[in-house]
Amino acid sequence: MLKRTHEGDNKDMPKMKTHKSSAKRFKKTSSGKLKRGRMHRNHLAEAKSPKRKRQARGPAEVSAADTKTVRRNLGI
C-alpha cells in the first residue's frame, strides 16, 4: 500500500517567490549588475526637449541604494 504524503509534511523551508513585476522591469547583466529602463518616455513627448528624450533612450544601471531591494525581489 502506498503512503500518501501531504504538502504540509515537507520539513524544508518554503521556496522564495519572485516578485513578478520586478522581474519584468529589471534584468541582470553578465557582469552581475542590474539594468533598468528609464522613465518619462511613454507619452506627452512633444512637451519634452529632444535632449531629454534622447538621454532617456538607453537602459540605465540600478542605483546602489536600490540594488539590495531589487536583488531580493528577483531572488538573486
N, C-alpha and C. Protein backbone atom coordinates (compact mmCIF):
# COMPACT_ATOMS: atom_id res chain seq x y z
N MET A 1 0.84 -1.18 0.00
CA MET A 1 0.00 0.00 0.00
C MET A 1 0.89 1.25 0.00
N LEU A 2 0.52 2.23 -0.81
CA LEU A 2 1.31 3.45 -0.90
C LEU A 2 0.91 4.44 0.19
N LYS A 3 1.92 5.06 0.72
CA LYS A 3 1.67 6.07 1.75
C LYS A 3 1.42 7.41 1.07
N ARG A 4 0.35 8.06 1.44
CA ARG A 4 0.05 9.38 0.86
C ARG A 4 0.82 10.45 1.62
N THR A 5 1.38 11.36 0.88
CA THR A 5 2.08 12.46 1.53
C THR A 5 1.29 13.73 1.30
N HIS A 6 1.35 14.58 2.25
CA HIS A 6 0.66 15.86 2.17
C HIS A 6 1.68 16.96 1.98
N GLU A 7 1.25 18.03 1.39
CA GLU A 7 2.15 19.14 1.14
C GLU A 7 2.72 19.70 2.44
N GLY A 8 1.95 19.68 3.52
CA GLY A 8 2.38 20.20 4.80
C GLY A 8 3.42 19.34 5.48
N ASP A 9 3.65 18.11 5.00
CA ASP A 9 4.62 17.22 5.64
C ASP A 9 6.06 17.58 5.32
N ASN A 10 6.27 18.40 4.32
CA ASN A 10 7.61 18.77 3.90
C ASN A 10 8.25 19.65 4.97
N LYS A 11 9.42 19.24 5.45
CA LYS A 11 10.09 19.97 6.53
C LYS A 11 11.05 21.05 6.00
N ASP A 12 11.21 21.14 4.70
CA ASP A 12 12.09 22.15 4.12
C ASP A 12 11.46 23.53 4.25
N MET A 13 12.32 24.54 4.16
CA MET A 13 11.82 25.92 4.16
C MET A 13 11.05 26.15 2.86
N PRO A 14 10.07 27.04 2.88
CA PRO A 14 9.34 27.31 1.63
C PRO A 14 10.23 28.02 0.62
N LYS A 15 9.93 27.82 -0.63
CA LYS A 15 10.72 28.46 -1.69
C LYS A 15 10.45 29.95 -1.73
N MET A 16 11.46 30.71 -2.13
CA MET A 16 11.28 32.15 -2.31
C MET A 16 10.51 32.36 -3.61
N LYS A 17 9.57 33.28 -3.60
CA LYS A 17 8.82 33.60 -4.81
C LYS A 17 9.38 34.86 -5.44
N THR A 18 9.52 34.84 -6.74
CA THR A 18 9.99 36.01 -7.48
C THR A 18 8.91 37.06 -7.52
N HIS A 19 9.29 38.30 -7.30
CA HIS A 19 8.37 39.43 -7.41
C HIS A 19 8.20 39.69 -8.90
N LYS A 20 7.05 39.29 -9.46
CA LYS A 20 6.88 39.25 -10.91
C LYS A 20 6.95 40.62 -11.58
N SER A 21 6.44 41.66 -10.93
CA SER A 21 6.53 42.98 -11.57
C SER A 21 7.97 43.46 -11.61
N SER A 22 8.77 43.09 -10.60
CA SER A 22 10.20 43.44 -10.63
C SER A 22 10.92 42.66 -11.71
N ALA A 23 10.54 41.42 -11.90
CA ALA A 23 11.18 40.58 -12.91
C ALA A 23 10.96 41.13 -14.32
N LYS A 24 9.85 41.83 -14.53
CA LYS A 24 9.57 42.41 -15.83
C LYS A 24 10.33 43.72 -16.05
N ARG A 25 10.72 44.37 -14.97
CA ARG A 25 11.35 45.70 -15.06
C ARG A 25 12.87 45.68 -14.99
N PHE A 26 13.46 44.64 -14.40
CA PHE A 26 14.90 44.61 -14.20
C PHE A 26 15.50 43.36 -14.81
N LYS A 27 16.73 43.50 -15.33
CA LYS A 27 17.47 42.36 -15.88
C LYS A 27 18.87 42.39 -15.29
N LYS A 28 19.44 41.20 -15.10
CA LYS A 28 20.80 41.09 -14.60
C LYS A 28 21.76 41.01 -15.78
N THR A 29 22.83 41.80 -15.75
CA THR A 29 23.82 41.76 -16.83
C THR A 29 24.77 40.60 -16.59
N SER A 30 25.62 40.30 -17.57
CA SER A 30 26.55 39.19 -17.43
C SER A 30 27.59 39.45 -16.35
N SER A 31 27.87 40.73 -16.06
CA SER A 31 28.84 41.06 -15.02
C SER A 31 28.19 41.09 -13.63
N GLY A 32 26.86 40.92 -13.56
CA GLY A 32 26.18 40.86 -12.27
C GLY A 32 25.47 42.14 -11.88
N LYS A 33 25.62 43.19 -12.68
CA LYS A 33 24.93 44.45 -12.38
C LYS A 33 23.46 44.33 -12.77
N LEU A 34 22.65 45.27 -12.29
CA LEU A 34 21.23 45.26 -12.60
C LEU A 34 20.90 46.41 -13.54
N LYS A 35 20.12 46.09 -14.56
CA LYS A 35 19.77 47.04 -15.61
C LYS A 35 18.30 47.39 -15.47
N ARG A 36 17.96 48.65 -15.73
CA ARG A 36 16.56 49.09 -15.66
C ARG A 36 16.28 50.00 -16.84
N GLY A 37 15.00 50.15 -17.16
CA GLY A 37 14.61 51.09 -18.19
C GLY A 37 14.49 52.49 -17.59
N ARG A 38 14.47 53.48 -18.46
CA ARG A 38 14.35 54.86 -17.99
C ARG A 38 12.91 55.32 -18.04
N MET A 39 12.59 56.29 -17.18
CA MET A 39 11.21 56.77 -17.10
C MET A 39 11.00 57.99 -18.00
N HIS A 40 9.77 58.45 -18.07
CA HIS A 40 9.35 59.64 -18.82
C HIS A 40 9.47 59.46 -20.34
N ARG A 41 9.22 58.24 -20.84
CA ARG A 41 9.31 58.00 -22.28
C ARG A 41 7.98 57.56 -22.88
N ASN A 42 6.93 57.45 -22.08
CA ASN A 42 5.70 56.84 -22.59
C ASN A 42 4.79 57.77 -23.38
N HIS A 43 4.58 58.98 -22.89
CA HIS A 43 3.63 59.86 -23.56
C HIS A 43 3.99 61.30 -23.25
N LEU A 44 3.25 62.24 -23.84
CA LEU A 44 3.49 63.69 -23.72
C LEU A 44 4.89 64.06 -24.19
N ALA A 45 5.34 63.43 -25.26
CA ALA A 45 6.70 63.61 -25.73
C ALA A 45 6.94 64.99 -26.35
N GLU A 46 5.90 65.61 -26.90
CA GLU A 46 6.11 66.90 -27.56
C GLU A 46 6.46 68.00 -26.57
N ALA A 47 6.11 67.81 -25.31
CA ALA A 47 6.43 68.81 -24.29
C ALA A 47 7.86 68.67 -23.77
N LYS A 48 8.53 67.58 -24.11
CA LYS A 48 9.87 67.33 -23.62
C LYS A 48 10.90 67.70 -24.69
N SER A 49 12.04 68.19 -24.25
CA SER A 49 13.07 68.61 -25.20
C SER A 49 13.70 67.38 -25.86
N PRO A 50 14.24 67.56 -27.07
CA PRO A 50 14.90 66.44 -27.75
C PRO A 50 16.05 65.86 -26.92
N LYS A 51 16.78 66.72 -26.24
CA LYS A 51 17.90 66.25 -25.41
C LYS A 51 17.38 65.33 -24.29
N ARG A 52 16.30 65.73 -23.66
CA ARG A 52 15.72 64.94 -22.57
C ARG A 52 15.24 63.58 -23.07
N LYS A 53 14.62 63.55 -24.24
CA LYS A 53 14.13 62.29 -24.80
C LYS A 53 15.30 61.40 -25.25
N ARG A 54 16.31 62.01 -25.81
CA ARG A 54 17.48 61.27 -26.28
C ARG A 54 18.24 60.62 -25.12
N GLN A 55 18.39 61.34 -24.04
CA GLN A 55 19.13 60.82 -22.90
C GLN A 55 18.35 59.72 -22.15
N ALA A 56 17.05 59.68 -22.36
CA ALA A 56 16.23 58.65 -21.72
C ALA A 56 16.10 57.41 -22.59
N ARG A 57 16.85 57.33 -23.68
CA ARG A 57 16.68 56.26 -24.65
C ARG A 57 17.19 54.90 -24.16
N GLY A 58 18.42 54.81 -23.73
CA GLY A 58 19.01 53.52 -23.41
C GLY A 58 18.73 53.07 -21.99
N PRO A 59 19.16 51.85 -21.67
CA PRO A 59 18.97 51.36 -20.31
C PRO A 59 19.93 52.04 -19.33
N ALA A 60 19.61 51.97 -18.05
CA ALA A 60 20.45 52.55 -17.01
C ALA A 60 20.73 51.49 -15.96
N GLU A 61 21.72 51.75 -15.13
CA GLU A 61 22.07 50.83 -14.06
C GLU A 61 21.26 51.18 -12.81
N VAL A 62 20.86 50.18 -12.05
CA VAL A 62 20.13 50.40 -10.81
C VAL A 62 21.08 51.01 -9.79
N SER A 63 20.61 52.01 -9.04
CA SER A 63 21.48 52.69 -8.08
C SER A 63 21.88 51.75 -6.94
N ALA A 64 22.96 52.09 -6.27
CA ALA A 64 23.47 51.28 -5.17
C ALA A 64 22.46 51.19 -4.03
N ALA A 65 21.69 52.27 -3.82
CA ALA A 65 20.71 52.29 -2.75
C ALA A 65 19.57 51.29 -2.99
N ASP A 66 19.25 51.03 -4.26
CA ASP A 66 18.12 50.15 -4.59
C ASP A 66 18.54 48.72 -4.92
N THR A 67 19.82 48.49 -5.09
CA THR A 67 20.30 47.18 -5.56
C THR A 67 19.89 46.05 -4.63
N LYS A 68 20.03 46.24 -3.32
CA LYS A 68 19.70 45.18 -2.36
C LYS A 68 18.23 44.78 -2.45
N THR A 69 17.36 45.77 -2.54
CA THR A 69 15.92 45.51 -2.63
C THR A 69 15.57 44.78 -3.91
N VAL A 70 16.14 45.21 -5.03
CA VAL A 70 15.82 44.60 -6.32
C VAL A 70 16.34 43.16 -6.36
N ARG A 71 17.53 42.94 -5.84
CA ARG A 71 18.08 41.58 -5.81
C ARG A 71 17.19 40.64 -4.99
N ARG A 72 16.70 41.13 -3.86
CA ARG A 72 15.82 40.31 -3.02
C ARG A 72 14.52 39.99 -3.77
N ASN A 73 13.99 40.97 -4.48
CA ASN A 73 12.74 40.77 -5.24
C ASN A 73 12.93 39.75 -6.35
N LEU A 74 14.10 39.77 -6.98
CA LEU A 74 14.36 38.86 -8.09
C LEU A 74 14.85 37.48 -7.64
N GLY A 75 15.19 37.36 -6.36
CA GLY A 75 15.70 36.09 -5.85
C GLY A 75 17.12 35.80 -6.26
N ILE A 76 17.91 36.87 -6.46
CA ILE A 76 19.32 36.71 -6.87
C ILE A 76 20.19 36.70 -5.64
